[in-house]
Protein backbone atom coordinates (compact mmCIF):
# COMPACT_ATOMS: atom_id res chain seq x y z
CA MET A 1 118.18 107.27 129.59
CA ARG A 2 121.43 107.66 127.67
CA ASP A 3 121.72 106.19 124.16
CA ARG A 4 124.58 103.68 124.36
CA ILE A 5 125.78 104.41 120.82
CA THR A 6 125.61 108.22 120.56
CA GLY A 7 125.66 109.11 124.23
CA ARG A 8 122.68 111.44 123.75
CA VAL A 9 120.16 111.63 126.55
CA GLY A 10 116.42 111.36 125.78
CA TYR A 11 116.99 111.57 122.04
CA MET A 12 113.86 112.70 120.22
CA ALA A 13 113.34 113.01 116.51
CA ASN A 14 111.02 114.32 113.88
CA VAL A 15 109.88 110.75 113.09
CA TRP A 16 106.30 109.56 112.74
CA GLN A 17 104.69 106.14 112.54
CA VAL A 18 101.92 106.12 109.95
CA GLN A 19 99.31 103.36 109.90
CA VAL A 20 97.01 102.50 107.03
CA ALA A 21 94.50 99.65 106.77
CA ALA A 22 94.15 97.64 103.56
CA PRO A 23 91.76 94.91 102.41
CA THR A 24 94.40 92.35 101.37
CA ARG A 25 98.05 91.50 101.89
CA GLU A 26 98.76 92.33 98.25
CA VAL A 27 97.24 95.80 98.51
CA ALA A 28 99.04 96.45 101.80
CA THR A 29 102.38 95.36 100.33
CA ALA A 30 101.84 97.51 97.22
CA LEU A 31 101.13 100.57 99.40
CA ALA A 32 104.24 99.95 101.52
CA ARG A 33 106.40 99.39 98.43
CA ALA A 34 105.17 102.58 96.73
CA ALA A 35 105.80 104.66 99.85
CA VAL A 36 109.31 103.31 100.41
CA GLU A 37 110.33 103.43 96.73
CA ALA A 38 109.26 107.09 96.62
CA ARG A 39 111.32 107.73 99.79
CA LEU A 40 108.23 109.07 101.51
CA ALA A 41 108.80 106.38 104.13
CA ALA A 42 112.11 104.87 105.20
CA GLY A 43 110.59 101.46 105.79
CA GLY A 44 107.35 99.65 106.35
CA GLN A 45 105.89 96.53 107.83
CA VAL A 46 102.77 94.66 106.72
CA VAL A 47 100.91 93.01 109.59
CA GLY A 48 97.88 90.79 109.41
CA PRO A 49 95.37 89.75 108.96
CA VAL A 50 93.72 91.61 111.82
CA THR A 51 90.02 91.53 112.59
CA SER A 52 88.38 94.92 112.27
CA VAL A 53 85.10 95.80 113.99
CA PHE A 54 83.42 98.95 112.67
CA TRP A 55 80.45 101.00 111.58
CA HIS A 56 80.38 101.82 107.85
CA LEU A 57 77.60 103.68 106.03
CA GLY A 58 75.28 103.12 108.99
CA GLU A 59 75.87 99.37 109.18
CA PHE A 60 77.80 97.38 111.78
CA GLY A 61 80.41 95.03 110.41
CA THR A 62 83.53 92.96 110.94
CA GLY A 63 86.18 91.85 108.52
CA ASP A 64 89.79 90.95 107.98
CA GLU A 65 92.22 93.73 107.13
CA TRP A 66 95.96 94.16 106.83
CA GLN A 67 97.86 96.94 108.57
CA VAL A 68 100.75 98.84 107.02
CA LEU A 69 103.11 100.59 109.46
CA LEU A 70 105.39 103.18 107.85
CA LYS A 71 108.14 105.37 109.32
CA THR A 72 108.44 108.90 107.94
CA THR A 73 109.18 112.45 109.04
CA ASP A 74 106.94 115.41 109.73
CA ASP A 75 108.27 117.03 106.56
CA ARG A 76 107.24 114.07 104.38
CA TYR A 77 103.91 113.17 106.00
CA LYS A 78 101.58 115.18 103.73
CA GLU A 79 103.18 113.75 100.58
CA LEU A 80 102.95 110.24 102.03
CA GLU A 81 99.30 110.73 102.93
CA HIS A 82 98.58 111.96 99.39
CA LEU A 83 100.29 108.90 97.86
CA LEU A 84 98.34 106.51 100.12
CA VAL A 85 95.01 108.15 99.31
CA GLU A 86 95.75 108.20 95.57
CA ARG A 87 96.76 104.52 95.45
CA HIS A 88 94.22 103.11 97.91
CA GLU A 89 91.12 101.38 96.57
CA TRP A 90 88.91 102.63 99.43
CA THR A 91 87.37 106.11 99.12
CA ASN A 92 87.94 106.86 102.82
CA PRO A 93 90.93 104.78 103.93
CA GLU A 94 92.01 104.62 107.57
CA ILE A 95 95.25 106.61 107.68
CA THR A 96 96.59 107.77 111.03
CA ALA A 97 99.94 109.14 112.18
CA ILE A 98 101.59 109.27 115.57
CA PRO A 99 104.78 111.24 116.34
CA LEU A 100 107.38 109.10 118.06
CA ALA A 101 108.33 110.51 121.45
CA ALA A 102 111.73 108.85 121.42
CA GLY A 103 113.70 106.01 119.92
CA LEU A 104 117.13 104.62 119.24
CA ALA A 105 119.12 107.56 117.85
CA PRO A 106 120.82 105.71 114.94
CA TYR A 107 117.46 104.30 113.79
CA LEU A 108 115.71 107.68 113.94
CA ASP A 109 118.64 109.29 112.12
CA TRP A 110 118.34 106.60 109.42
CA VAL A 111 114.64 107.41 108.94
CA GLU A 112 115.44 111.10 108.59
CA ARG A 113 118.34 110.50 106.17
CA THR A 114 116.44 107.98 104.05
CA THR A 115 113.38 110.15 103.57
CA SER A 116 115.42 113.26 102.77
CA GLU A 117 117.42 111.72 99.89
């Protein structure tokens, strides 16, 4: 598929979506704000609450959590992960990252520019 703005075909980028779970909206927003202000992520969304179903320390549980979705680059991921771990109140927070296979070229370029400044 050809990008209608740049004309590039199958544009791929070095952009990742990072997800982290948080116990409250306030904590989730603080994590997103810290990541974006440090330019470790170009932007973030806070979603929730979501119901989580899990095993923790040998016990089954459920609870409400908030999800933070952040956009970053491969080059900035390790620094972003470090910031999230340092600022998170959980000792073993759920932090995962998925490389984006493709996306709108101007958006992906924006993520790369924003996190490299």
